[in-house]
Amino acid sequence: WVIRAFTALGGSDDIFWIRVAGPIFHAGTALVLMAAARRFIGPEI
C-alpha cells in the first residue's frame, strides 16, 4: 500500500519512488520517538 501511494504520488515506478518512503518513514519514527521520550522522561532526552 505504501509503495503504491508513493509511486502514484511521483507518477513513476522508478526505483527512487519505490525506495523514497524509507528515509521519510524513518524521519517520522524519529520525530514520534522524540515526542514519546519527552512525554515519558522529559525534554532533556
PDB file of all heavy atoms in Angstrom:
ATOM      1  N   TRP A   1       0.834  -1.214   0.000  1.00  0.00           N
ATOM      2  CA  TRP A   1       0.000   0.000   0.000  1.00  0.00           C
ATOM      3  C   TRP A   1       0.861   1.254   0.000  1.00  0.00           C
ATOM      4  O   TRP A   1       0.562   2.225  -0.695  1.00  0.00           O
ATOM      5  CB  TRP A   1      -0.908   0.000   1.218  1.00  0.00           C
ATOM      6  CG  TRP A   1      -1.866  -1.150   1.297  1.00  0.00           C
ATOM      7  CD1 TRP A   1      -2.126  -2.075   0.325  1.00  0.00           C
ATOM      8  CD2 TRP A   1      -2.681  -1.503   2.418  1.00  0.00           C
ATOM      9  NE1 TRP A   1      -3.054  -2.990   0.769  1.00  0.00           N
ATOM     10  CE2 TRP A   1      -3.419  -2.668   2.042  1.00  0.00           C
ATOM     11  CE3 TRP A   1      -2.863  -0.976   3.690  1.00  0.00           C
ATOM     12  CZ2 TRP A   1      -4.313  -3.283   2.910  1.00  0.00           C
ATOM     13  CZ3 TRP A   1      -3.761  -1.584   4.553  1.00  0.00           C
ATOM     14  CH2 TRP A   1      -4.481  -2.721   4.170  1.00  0.00           C
ATOM     15  N   VAL A   2       1.935   1.241   0.793  1.00  0.00           N
ATOM     16  CA  VAL A   2       2.814   2.411   0.881  1.00  0.00           C
ATOM     17  C   VAL A   2       3.518   2.660  -0.448  1.00  0.00           C
ATOM     18  O   VAL A   2       3.583   3.795  -0.933  1.00  0.00           O
ATOM     19  CB  VAL A   2       3.836   2.225   2.022  1.00  0.00           C
ATOM     20  CG1 VAL A   2       4.934   3.293   1.944  1.00  0.00           C
ATOM     21  CG2 VAL A   2       3.139   2.285   3.377  1.00  0.00           C
ATOM     22  N   ILE A   3       4.058   1.606  -1.056  1.00  0.00           N
ATOM     23  CA  ILE A   3       4.737   1.772  -2.344  1.00  0.00           C
ATOM     24  C   ILE A   3       3.762   2.287  -3.394  1.00  0.00           C
ATOM     25  O   ILE A   3       4.099   3.167  -4.203  1.00  0.00           O
ATOM     26  CB  ILE A   3       5.381   0.447  -2.790  1.00  0.00           C
ATOM     27  CG1 ILE A   3       6.571   0.109  -1.883  1.00  0.00           C
ATOM     28  CG2 ILE A   3       5.844   0.532  -4.243  1.00  0.00           C
ATOM     29  CD1 ILE A   3       7.210  -1.232  -2.161  1.00  0.00           C
ATOM     30  N   ARG A   4       2.539   1.763  -3.376  1.00  0.00           N
ATOM     31  CA  ARG A   4       1.532   2.231  -4.337  1.00  0.00           C
ATOM     32  C   ARG A   4       1.272   3.731  -4.145  1.00  0.00           C
ATOM     33  O   ARG A   4       1.159   4.490  -5.120  1.00  0.00           O
ATOM     34  CB  ARG A   4       0.242   1.443  -4.154  1.00  0.00           C
ATOM     35  CG  ARG A   4      -0.895   1.846  -5.087  1.00  0.00           C
ATOM     36  CD  ARG A   4      -0.538   1.616  -6.571  1.00  0.00           C
ATOM     37  NE  ARG A   4      -1.722   1.755  -7.400  1.00  0.00           N
ATOM     38  CZ  ARG A   4      -2.531   0.766  -7.741  1.00  0.00           C
ATOM     39  NH1 ARG A   4      -2.268  -0.481  -7.303  1.00  0.00           N
ATOM     40  NH2 ARG A   4      -3.582   0.968  -8.500  1.00  0.00           N
ATOM     41  N   ALA A   5       1.199   4.167  -2.888  1.00  0.00           N
ATOM     42  CA  ALA A   5       0.948   5.581  -2.608  1.00  0.00           C
ATOM     43  C   ALA A   5       2.091   6.458  -3.110  1.00  0.00           C
ATOM     44  O   ALA A   5       1.861   7.504  -3.735  1.00  0.00           O
ATOM     45  CB  ALA A   5       0.740   5.787  -1.107  1.00  0.00           C
ATOM     46  N   PHE A   6       3.332   6.036  -2.875  1.00  0.00           N
ATOM     47  CA  PHE A   6       4.477   6.864  -3.258  1.00  0.00           C
ATOM     48  C   PHE A   6       4.704   6.851  -4.770  1.00  0.00           C
ATOM     49  O   PHE A   6       5.070   7.881  -5.346  1.00  0.00           O
ATOM     50  CB  PHE A   6       5.733   6.428  -2.506  1.00  0.00           C
ATOM     51  CG  PHE A   6       5.857   7.044  -1.149  1.00  0.00           C
ATOM     52  CD1 PHE A   6       5.198   6.511  -0.056  1.00  0.00           C
ATOM     53  CD2 PHE A   6       6.628   8.187  -0.958  1.00  0.00           C
ATOM     54  CE1 PHE A   6       5.291   7.100   1.202  1.00  0.00           C
ATOM     55  CE2 PHE A   6       6.734   8.779   0.282  1.00  0.00           C
ATOM     56  CZ  PHE A   6       6.062   8.239   1.371  1.00  0.00           C
ATOM     57  N   THR A   7       4.518   5.705  -5.416  1.00  0.00           N
ATOM     58  CA  THR A   7       4.693   5.676  -6.865  1.00  0.00           C
ATOM     59  C   THR A   7       3.570   6.460  -7.550  1.00  0.00           C
ATOM     60  O   THR A   7       3.792   7.080  -8.592  1.00  0.00           O
ATOM     61  CB  THR A   7       4.733   4.235  -7.396  1.00  0.00           C
ATOM     62  OG1 THR A   7       3.575   3.508  -6.934  1.00  0.00           O
ATOM     63  CG2 THR A   7       5.998   3.526  -6.940  1.00  0.00           C
ATOM     64  N   ALA A   8       2.383   6.439  -6.964  1.00  0.00           N
ATOM     65  CA  ALA A   8       1.281   7.246  -7.511  1.00  0.00           C
ATOM     66  C   ALA A   8       1.579   8.731  -7.326  1.00  0.00           C
ATOM     67  O   ALA A   8       1.337   9.548  -8.219  1.00  0.00           O
ATOM     68  CB  ALA A   8      -0.029   6.873  -6.824  1.00  0.00           C
ATOM     69  N   LEU A   9       2.137   9.068  -6.164  1.00  0.00           N
ATOM     70  CA  LEU A   9       2.488  10.463  -5.896  1.00  0.00           C
ATOM     71  C   LEU A   9       3.537  10.958  -6.877  1.00  0.00           C
ATOM     72  O   LEU A   9       3.467  12.090  -7.389  1.00  0.00           O
ATOM     73  CB  LEU A   9       3.015  10.595  -4.459  1.00  0.00           C
ATOM     74  CG  LEU A   9       3.488  11.982  -4.019  1.00  0.00           C
ATOM     75  CD1 LEU A   9       2.298  12.939  -3.958  1.00  0.00           C
ATOM     76  CD2 LEU A   9       4.170  11.900  -2.645  1.00  0.00           C
ATOM     77  N   GLY A  10       4.523  10.119  -7.162  1.00  0.00           N
ATOM     78  CA  GLY A  10       5.591  10.515  -8.077  1.00  0.00           C
ATOM     79  C   GLY A  10       5.239  10.309  -9.536  1.00  0.00           C
ATOM     80  O   GLY A  10       5.977  10.756 -10.415  1.00  0.00           O
ATOM     81  N   GLY A  11       4.134   9.584  -9.792  1.00  0.00           N
ATOM     82  CA  GLY A  11       3.762   9.296 -11.166  1.00  0.00           C
ATOM     83  C   GLY A  11       4.789   8.442 -11.879  1.00  0.00           C
ATOM     84  O   GLY A  11       4.950   8.520 -13.099  1.00  0.00           O
ATOM     85  N   SER A  12       5.492   7.592 -11.096  1.00  0.00           N
ATOM     86  CA  SER A  12       6.577   6.800 -11.670  1.00  0.00           C
ATOM     87  C   SER A  12       6.795   5.537 -10.850  1.00  0.00           C
ATOM     88  O   SER A  12       6.607   5.541  -9.626  1.00  0.00           O
ATOM     89  CB  SER A  12       7.871   7.618 -11.710  1.00  0.00           C
ATOM     90  OG  SER A  12       8.979   6.809 -12.045  1.00  0.00           O
ATOM     91  N   ASP A  13       7.196   4.452 -11.529  1.00  0.00           N
ATOM     92  CA  ASP A  13       7.565   3.210 -10.848  1.00  0.00           C
ATOM     93  C   ASP A  13       9.073   3.033 -10.817  1.00  0.00           C
ATOM     94  O   ASP A  13       9.571   1.922 -10.605  1.00  0.00           O
ATOM     95  CB  ASP A  13       6.923   2.007 -11.556  1.00  0.00           C
ATOM     96  CG  ASP A  13       5.419   1.975 -11.377  1.00  0.00           C
ATOM     97  OD1 ASP A  13       4.965   2.055 -10.225  1.00  0.00           O
ATOM     98  OD2 ASP A  13       4.693   1.873 -12.397  1.00  0.00           O
ATOM     99  N   ASP A  14       9.811   4.116 -11.005  1.00  0.00           N
ATOM    100  CA  ASP A  14      11.268   4.052 -10.932  1.00  0.00           C
ATOM    101  C   ASP A  14      11.713   3.700  -9.512  1.00  0.00           C
ATOM    102  O   ASP A  14      10.971   3.887  -8.544  1.00  0.00           O
ATOM    103  CB  ASP A  14      11.890   5.382 -11.345  1.00  0.00           C
ATOM    104  CG  ASP A  14      11.760   5.639 -12.841  1.00  0.00           C
ATOM    105  OD1 ASP A  14      11.446   4.685 -13.575  1.00  0.00           O
ATOM    106  OD2 ASP A  14      11.961   6.793 -13.257  1.00  0.00           O
ATOM    107  N   ILE A  15      12.956   3.239  -9.402  1.00  0.00           N
ATOM    108  CA  ILE A  15      13.486   2.792  -8.120  1.00  0.00           C
ATOM    109  C   ILE A  15      13.407   3.886  -7.064  1.00  0.00           C
ATOM    110  O   ILE A  15      13.105   3.621  -5.897  1.00  0.00           O
ATOM    111  CB  ILE A  15      14.941   2.288  -8.291  1.00  0.00           C
ATOM    112  CG1 ILE A  15      14.953   1.000  -9.130  1.00  0.00           C
ATOM    113  CG2 ILE A  15      15.589   2.037  -6.941  1.00  0.00           C
ATOM    114  CD1 ILE A  15      16.342   0.464  -9.415  1.00  0.00           C
ATOM    115  N   PHE A  16      13.658   5.127  -7.452  1.00  0.00           N
ATOM    116  CA  PHE A  16      13.630   6.223  -6.483  1.00  0.00           C
ATOM    117  C   PHE A  16      12.297   6.277  -5.752  1.00  0.00           C
ATOM    118  O   PHE A  16      12.254   6.388  -4.522  1.00  0.00           O
ATOM    119  CB  PHE A  16      13.900   7.559  -7.183  1.00  0.00           C
ATOM    120  CG  PHE A  16      13.719   8.756  -6.282  1.00  0.00           C
ATOM    121  CD1 PHE A  16      14.747   9.163  -5.446  1.00  0.00           C
ATOM    122  CD2 PHE A  16      12.518   9.456  -6.252  1.00  0.00           C
ATOM    123  CE1 PHE A  16      14.587  10.258  -4.599  1.00  0.00           C
ATOM    124  CE2 PHE A  16      12.344  10.552  -5.420  1.00  0.00           C
ATOM    125  CZ  PHE A  16      13.377  10.952  -4.586  1.00  0.00           C
ATOM    126  N   TRP A  17      11.201   6.195  -6.485  1.00  0.00           N
ATOM    127  CA  TRP A  17       9.886   6.332  -5.868  1.00  0.00           C
ATOM    128  C   TRP A  17       9.482   5.089  -5.074  1.00  0.00           C
ATOM    129  O   TRP A  17       8.633   5.163  -4.190  1.00  0.00           O
ATOM    130  CB  TRP A  17       8.839   6.666  -6.934  1.00  0.00           C
ATOM    131  CG  TRP A  17       9.020   8.063  -7.415  1.00  0.00           C
ATOM    132  CD1 TRP A  17       9.562   8.466  -8.597  1.00  0.00           C
ATOM    133  CD2 TRP A  17       8.692   9.256  -6.699  1.00  0.00           C
ATOM    134  NE1 TRP A  17       9.605   9.840  -8.662  1.00  0.00           N
ATOM    135  CE2 TRP A  17       9.066  10.357  -7.519  1.00  0.00           C
ATOM    136  CE3 TRP A  17       8.113   9.515  -5.450  1.00  0.00           C
ATOM    137  CZ2 TRP A  17       8.877  11.678  -7.109  1.00  0.00           C
ATOM    138  CZ3 TRP A  17       7.926  10.829  -5.052  1.00  0.00           C
ATOM    139  CH2 TRP A  17       8.308  11.893  -5.873  1.00  0.00           C
ATOM    140  N   ILE A  18      10.097   3.965  -5.371  1.00  0.00           N
ATOM    141  CA  ILE A  18       9.853   2.763  -4.573  1.00  0.00           C
ATOM    142  C   ILE A  18      10.578   2.859  -3.232  1.00  0.00           C
ATOM    143  O   ILE A  18      10.057   2.429  -2.198  1.00  0.00           O
ATOM    144  CB  ILE A  18      10.331   1.512  -5.343  1.00  0.00           C
ATOM    145  CG1 ILE A  18       9.464   1.317  -6.596  1.00  0.00           C
ATOM    146  CG2 ILE A  18      10.281   0.262  -4.456  1.00  0.00           C
ATOM    147  CD1 ILE A  18       9.959   0.223  -7.523  1.00  0.00           C
ATOM    148  N   ARG A  19      11.760   3.474  -3.235  1.00  0.00           N
ATOM    149  CA  ARG A  19      12.588   3.495  -2.034  1.00  0.00           C
ATOM    150  C   ARG A  19      12.457   4.751  -1.177  1.00  0.00           C
ATOM    151  O   ARG A  19      12.823   4.731  -0.004  1.00  0.00           O
ATOM    152  CB  ARG A  19      14.064   3.333  -2.437  1.00  0.00           C
ATOM    153  CG  ARG A  19      14.433   1.933  -2.875  1.00  0.00           C
ATOM    154  CD  ARG A  19      15.874   1.865  -3.348  1.00  0.00           C
ATOM    155  NE  ARG A  19      16.310   0.483  -3.518  1.00  0.00           N
ATOM    156  CZ  ARG A  19      17.440   0.123  -4.126  1.00  0.00           C
ATOM    157  NH1 ARG A  19      18.244   1.065  -4.610  1.00  0.00           N
ATOM    158  NH2 ARG A  19      17.753  -1.153  -4.236  1.00  0.00           N
ATOM    159  N   VAL A  20      11.957   5.833  -1.746  1.00  0.00           N
ATOM    160  CA  VAL A  20      11.997   7.103  -1.028  1.00  0.00           C
ATOM    161  C   VAL A  20      11.151   7.079   0.244  1.00  0.00           C
ATOM    162  O   VAL A  20      11.392   7.871   1.174  1.00  0.00           O
ATOM    163  CB  VAL A  20      11.553   8.254  -1.964  1.00  0.00           C
ATOM    164  CG1 VAL A  20      10.048   8.209  -2.226  1.00  0.00           C
ATOM    165  CG2 VAL A  20      11.967   9.600  -1.383  1.00  0.00           C
ATOM    166  N   ALA A  21      10.185   6.185   0.331  1.00  0.00           N
ATOM    167  CA  ALA A  21       9.383   6.089   1.555  1.00  0.00           C
ATOM    168  C   ALA A  21      10.237   5.711   2.752  1.00  0.00           C
ATOM    169  O   ALA A  21       9.914   6.067   3.896  1.00  0.00           O
ATOM    170  CB  ALA A  21       8.258   5.065   1.364  1.00  0.00           C
ATOM    171  N   GLY A  22      11.358   4.984   2.519  1.00  0.00           N
ATOM    172  CA  GLY A  22      12.206   4.532   3.618  1.00  0.00           C
ATOM    173  C   GLY A  22      12.724   5.665   4.488  1.00  0.00           C
ATOM    174  O   GLY A  22      12.438   5.708   5.697  1.00  0.00           O
ATOM    175  N   PRO A  23      13.513   6.595   3.942  1.00  0.00           N
ATOM    176  CA  PRO A  23      14.016   7.686   4.782  1.00  0.00           C
ATOM    177  C   PRO A  23      12.910   8.562   5.349  1.00  0.00           C
ATOM    178  O   PRO A  23      13.050   9.114   6.444  1.00  0.00           O
ATOM    179  CB  PRO A  23      14.924   8.481   3.822  1.00  0.00           C
ATOM    180  CG  PRO A  23      14.538   8.061   2.448  1.00  0.00           C
ATOM    181  CD  PRO A  23      14.074   6.648   2.577  1.00  0.00           C
ATOM    182  N   ILE A  24      11.807   8.689   4.625  1.00  0.00           N
ATOM    183  CA  ILE A  24      10.706   9.518   5.126  1.00  0.00           C
ATOM    184  C   ILE A  24      10.042   8.865   6.326  1.00  0.00           C
ATOM    185  O   ILE A  24       9.755   9.525   7.341  1.00  0.00           O
ATOM    186  CB  ILE A  24       9.686   9.781   3.996  1.00  0.00           C
ATOM    187  CG1 ILE A  24      10.326  10.682   2.930  1.00  0.00           C
ATOM    188  CG2 ILE A  24       8.419  10.418   4.548  1.00  0.00           C
ATOM    189  CD1 ILE A  24       9.477  10.880   1.698  1.00  0.00           C
ATOM    190  N   PHE A  25       9.798   7.574   6.263  1.00  0.00           N
ATOM    191  CA  PHE A  25       9.211   6.871   7.406  1.00  0.00           C
ATOM    192  C   PHE A  25      10.162   6.887   8.604  1.00  0.00           C
ATOM    193  O   PHE A  25       9.719   7.040   9.748  1.00  0.00           O
ATOM    194  CB  PHE A  25       8.857   5.430   7.031  1.00  0.00           C
ATOM    195  CG  PHE A  25       7.432   5.271   6.614  1.00  0.00           C
ATOM    196  CD1 PHE A  25       7.069   5.415   5.291  1.00  0.00           C
ATOM    197  CD2 PHE A  25       6.430   4.991   7.540  1.00  0.00           C
ATOM    198  CE1 PHE A  25       5.749   5.284   4.886  1.00  0.00           C
ATOM    199  CE2 PHE A  25       5.114   4.858   7.159  1.00  0.00           C
ATOM    200  CZ  PHE A  25       4.760   5.004   5.825  1.00  0.00           C
ATOM    201  N   HIS A  26      11.453   6.729   8.359  1.00  0.00           N
ATOM    202  CA  HIS A  26      12.403   6.754   9.480  1.00  0.00           C
ATOM    203  C   HIS A  26      12.444   8.130  10.134  1.00  0.00           C
ATOM    204  O   HIS A  26      12.580   8.236  11.364  1.00  0.00           O
ATOM    205  CB  HIS A  26      13.797   6.347   9.007  1.00  0.00           C
ATOM    206  CG  HIS A  26      13.945   4.868   8.828  1.00  0.00           C
ATOM    207  ND1 HIS A  26      13.471   3.957   9.750  1.00  0.00           N
ATOM    208  CD2 HIS A  26      14.526   4.134   7.850  1.00  0.00           C
ATOM    209  CE1 HIS A  26      13.750   2.732   9.348  1.00  0.00           C
ATOM    210  NE2 HIS A  26      14.391   2.806   8.198  1.00  0.00           N
ATOM    211  N   ALA A  27      12.338   9.172   9.331  1.00  0.00           N
ATOM    212  CA  ALA A  27      12.277  10.514   9.913  1.00  0.00           C
ATOM    213  C   ALA A  27      11.029  10.649  10.770  1.00  0.00           C
ATOM    214  O   ALA A  27      11.066  11.220  11.877  1.00  0.00           O
ATOM    215  CB  ALA A  27      12.275  11.568   8.805  1.00  0.00           C
ATOM    216  N   GLY A  28       9.909  10.128  10.279  1.00  0.00           N
ATOM    217  CA  GLY A  28       8.673  10.157  11.060  1.00  0.00           C
ATOM    218  C   GLY A  28       8.806   9.416  12.366  1.00  0.00           C
ATOM    219  O   GLY A  28       8.351   9.877  13.423  1.00  0.00           O
ATOM    220  N   THR A  29       9.459   8.256  12.325  1.00  0.00           N
ATOM    221  CA  THR A  29       9.677   7.479  13.550  1.00  0.00           C
ATOM    222  C   THR A  29      10.525   8.257  14.544  1.00  0.00           C
ATOM    223  O   THR A  29      10.245   8.274  15.752  1.00  0.00           O
ATOM    224  CB  THR A  29      10.363   6.142  13.218  1.00  0.00           C
ATOM    225  OG1 THR A  29       9.573   5.427  12.274  1.00  0.00           O
ATOM    226  CG2 THR A  29      10.536   5.290  14.475  1.00  0.00           C
ATOM    227  N   ALA A  30      11.576   8.895  14.050  1.00  0.00           N
ATOM    228  CA  ALA A  30      12.451   9.676  14.924  1.00  0.00           C
ATOM    229  C   ALA A  30      11.685  10.810  15.595  1.00  0.00           C
ATOM    230  O   ALA A  30      11.863  11.073  16.797  1.00  0.00           O
ATOM    231  CB  ALA A  30      13.635  10.226  14.123  1.00  0.00           C
ATOM    232  N   LEU A  31      10.816  11.470  14.841  1.00  0.00           N
ATOM    233  CA  LEU A  31      10.040  12.579  15.399  1.00  0.00           C
ATOM    234  C   LEU A  31       9.042  12.080  16.446  1.00  0.00           C
ATOM    235  O   LEU A  31       8.859  12.714  17.497  1.00  0.00           O
ATOM    236  CB  LEU A  31       9.315  13.323  14.280  1.00  0.00           C
ATOM    237  CG  LEU A  31      10.210  14.022  13.246  1.00  0.00           C
ATOM    238  CD1 LEU A  31       9.372  14.641  12.132  1.00  0.00           C
ATOM    239  CD2 LEU A  31      11.085  15.083  13.919  1.00  0.00           C
ATOM    240  N   VAL A  32       8.402  10.952  16.167  1.00  0.00           N
ATOM    241  CA  VAL A  32       7.465  10.387  17.145  1.00  0.00           C
ATOM    242  C   VAL A  32       8.219   9.944  18.395  1.00  0.00           C
ATOM    243  O   VAL A  32       7.737  10.126  19.527  1.00  0.00           O
ATOM    244  CB  VAL A  32       6.686   9.211  16.536  1.00  0.00           C
ATOM    245  CG1 VAL A  32       5.803   8.543  17.592  1.00  0.00           C
ATOM    246  CG2 VAL A  32       5.820   9.682  15.373  1.00  0.00           C
ATOM    247  N   LEU A  33       9.405   9.373  18.210  1.00  0.00           N
ATOM    248  CA  LEU A  33      10.212   8.967  19.366  1.00  0.00           C
ATOM    249  C   LEU A  33      10.601  10.167  20.223  1.00  0.00           C
ATOM    250  O   LEU A  33      10.667  10.069  21.457  1.00  0.00           O
ATOM    251  CB  LEU A  33      11.475   8.239  18.914  1.00  0.00           C
ATOM    252  CG  LEU A  33      11.391   6.718  18.786  1.00  0.00           C
ATOM    253  CD1 LEU A  33      12.752   6.147  18.433  1.00  0.00           C
ATOM    254  CD2 LEU A  33      10.888   6.095  20.075  1.00  0.00           C
ATOM    255  N   MET A  34      10.879  11.280  19.594  1.00  0.00           N
ATOM    256  CA  MET A  34      11.163  12.496  20.352  1.00  0.00           C
ATOM    257  C   MET A  34       9.972  12.859  21.237  1.00  0.00           C
ATOM    258  O   MET A  34      10.135  13.172  22.422  1.00  0.00           O
ATOM    259  CB  MET A  34      11.493  13.655  19.407  1.00  0.00           C
ATOM    260  CG  MET A  34      12.839  13.557  18.733  1.00  0.00           C
ATOM    261  SD  MET A  34      13.158  14.923  17.584  1.00  0.00           S
ATOM    262  CE  MET A  34      13.167  16.312  18.722  1.00  0.00           C
ATOM    263  N   ALA A  35       8.783  12.804  20.646  1.00  0.00           N
ATOM    264  CA  ALA A  35       7.574  13.119  21.413  1.00  0.00           C
ATOM    265  C   ALA A  35       7.344  12.107  22.525  1.00  0.00           C
ATOM    266  O   ALA A  35       6.960  12.462  23.647  1.00  0.00           O
ATOM    267  CB  ALA A  35       6.368  13.171  20.476  1.00  0.00           C
ATOM    268  N   ALA A  36       7.599  10.832  22.235  1.00  0.00           N
ATOM    269  CA  ALA A  36       7.412   9.788  23.239  1.00  0.00           C
ATOM    270  C   ALA A  36       8.397   9.940  24.387  1.00  0.00           C
ATOM    271  O   ALA A  36       8.034   9.808  25.572  1.00  0.00           O
ATOM    272  CB  ALA A  36       7.563   8.410  22.591  1.00  0.00           C
ATOM    273  N   ALA A  37       9.664  10.218  24.055  1.00  0.00           N
ATOM    274  CA  ALA A  37      10.683  10.400  25.087  1.00  0.00           C
ATOM    275  C   ALA A  37      10.380  11.630  25.934  1.00  0.00           C
ATOM    276  O   ALA A  37      10.563  11.618  27.164  1.00  0.00           O
ATOM    277  CB  ALA A  37      12.061  10.519  24.445  1.00  0.00           C
ATOM    278  N   ARG A  38       9.924  12.686  25.294  1.00  0.00           N
ATOM    279  CA  ARG A  38       9.569  13.908  26.035  1.00  0.00           C
ATOM    280  C   ARG A  38       8.422  13.641  26.990  1.00  0.00           C
ATOM    281  O   ARG A  38       8.432  14.101  28.133  1.00  0.00           O
ATOM    282  CB  ARG A  38       9.195  15.009  25.034  1.00  0.00           C
ATOM    283  CG  ARG A  38       8.904  16.352  25.683  1.00  0.00           C
ATOM    284  CD  ARG A  38       8.515  17.385  24.646  1.00  0.00           C
ATOM    285  NE  ARG A  38       8.366  18.695  25.280  1.00  0.00           N
ATOM    286  CZ  ARG A  38       9.028  19.778  24.956  1.00  0.00           C
ATOM    287  NH1 ARG A  38       9.943  19.732  24.019  1.00  0.00           N
ATOM    288  NH2 ARG A  38       8.815  20.924  25.576  1.00  0.00           N
ATOM    289  N   ARG A  39       7.418  12.886  26.533  1.00  0.00           N
ATOM    290  CA  ARG A  39       6.259  12.585  27.372  1.00  0.00           C
ATOM    291  C   ARG A  39       6.643  11.669  28.531  1.00  0.00           C
ATOM    292  O   ARG A  39       6.184  11.857  29.654  1.00  0.00           O
ATOM    293  CB  ARG A  39       5.167  11.927  26.516  1.00  0.00           C
ATOM    294  CG  ARG A  39       4.084  11.213  27.301  1.00  0.00           C
ATOM    295  CD  ARG A  39       2.989  10.691  26.392  1.00  0.00           C
ATOM    296  NE  ARG A  39       2.021  11.748  26.108  1.00  0.00           N
ATOM    297  CZ  ARG A  39       1.007  11.624  25.262  1.00  0.00           C
ATOM    298  NH1 ARG A  39       0.859  10.492  24.592  1.00  0.00           N
ATOM    299  NH2 ARG A  39       0.157  12.608  25.077  1.00  0.00           N
ATOM    300  N   PHE A  40       7.478  10.674  28.264  1.00  0.00           N
ATOM    301  CA  PHE A  40       7.759   9.643  29.258  1.00  0.00           C
ATOM    302  C   PHE A  40       8.871  10.030  30.226  1.00  0.00           C
ATOM    303  O   PHE A  40       8.803   9.725  31.416  1.00  0.00           O
ATOM    304  CB  PHE A  40       8.134   8.344  28.536  1.00  0.00           C
ATOM    305  CG  PHE A  40       8.116   7.132  29.412  1.00  0.00           C
ATOM    306  CD1 PHE A  40       6.968   6.770  30.101  1.00  0.00           C
ATOM    307  CD2 PHE A  40       9.240   6.328  29.543  1.00  0.00           C
ATOM    308  CE1 PHE A  40       6.941   5.633  30.906  1.00  0.00           C
ATOM    309  CE2 PHE A  40       9.226   5.193  30.334  1.00  0.00           C
ATOM    310  CZ  PHE A  40       8.068   4.844  31.009  1.00  0.00           C
ATOM    311  N   ILE A  41       9.906  10.700  29.710  1.00  0.00           N
ATOM    312  CA  ILE A  41      11.069  11.040  30.543  1.00  0.00           C
ATOM    313  C   ILE A  41      11.188  12.544  30.739  1.00  0.00           C
ATOM    314  O   ILE A  41      11.268  13.045  31.865  1.00  0.00           O
ATOM    315  CB  ILE A  41      12.374  10.501  29.915  1.00  0.00           C
ATOM    316  CG1 ILE A  41      12.261   9.004  29.638  1.00  0.00           C
ATOM    317  CG2 ILE A  41      13.555  10.809  30.828  1.00  0.00           C
ATOM    318  CD1 ILE A  41      12.018   8.144  30.846  1.00  0.00           C
ATOM    319  N   GLY A  42      11.203  13.284  29.651  1.00  0.00           N
ATOM    320  CA  GLY A  42      11.362  14.730  29.750  1.00  0.00           C
ATOM    321  C   GLY A  42      12.065  15.288  28.530  1.00  0.00           C
ATOM    322  O   GLY A  42      12.661  14.549  27.742  1.00  0.00           O
ATOM    323  N   PRO A  43      12.033  16.610  28.350  1.00  0.00           N
ATOM    324  CA  PRO A  43      12.623  17.228  27.157  1.00  0.00           C
ATOM    325  C   PRO A  43      14.138  17.074  27.073  1.00  0.00           C
ATOM    326  O   PRO A  43      14.714  17.222  25.996  1.00  0.00           O
ATOM    327  CB  PRO A  43      12.220  18.697  27.301  1.00  0.00           C
ATOM    328  CG  PRO A  43      11.972  18.894  28.767  1.00  0.00           C
ATOM    329  CD  PRO A  43      11.413  17.599  29.255  1.00  0.00           C
ATOM    330  N   GLU A  44      14.780  16.760  28.205  1.00  0.00           N
ATOM    331  CA  GLU A  44      16.242  16.689  28.204  1.00  0.00           C
ATOM    332  C   GLU A  44      16.787  15.557  27.331  1.00  0.00           C
ATOM    333  O   GLU A  44      17.947  15.607  26.899  1.00  0.00           O
ATOM    334  CB  GLU A  44      16.774  16.557  29.634  1.00  0.00           C
ATOM    335  CG  GLU A  44      16.403  15.262  30.361  1.00  0.00           C
ATOM    336  CD  GLU A  44      15.047  15.328  31.051  1.00  0.00           C
ATOM    337  OE1 GLU A  44      14.295  16.298  30.800  1.00  0.00           O
ATOM    338  OE2 GLU A  44      14.750  14.415  31.843  1.00  0.00           O
ATOM    339  N   ILE A  45      15.994  14.515  27.077  1.00  0.00           N
ATOM    340  CA  ILE A  45      16.498  13.420  26.234  1.00  0.00           C
ATOM    341  C   ILE A  45      15.756  13.335  24.898  1.00  0.00           C
ATOM    342  O   ILE A  45      16.087  12.482  24.071  1.00  0.00           O
ATOM    343  CB  ILE A  45      16.419  12.055  26.941  1.00  0.00           C
ATOM    344  CG1 ILE A  45      14.965  11.589  27.058  1.00  0.00           C
ATOM    345  CG2 ILE A  45      17.098  12.086  28.290  1.00  0.00           C
ATOM    346  CD1 ILE A  45      14.835  10.100  27.310  1.00  0.00           C
TER     347      ILE A  45
END
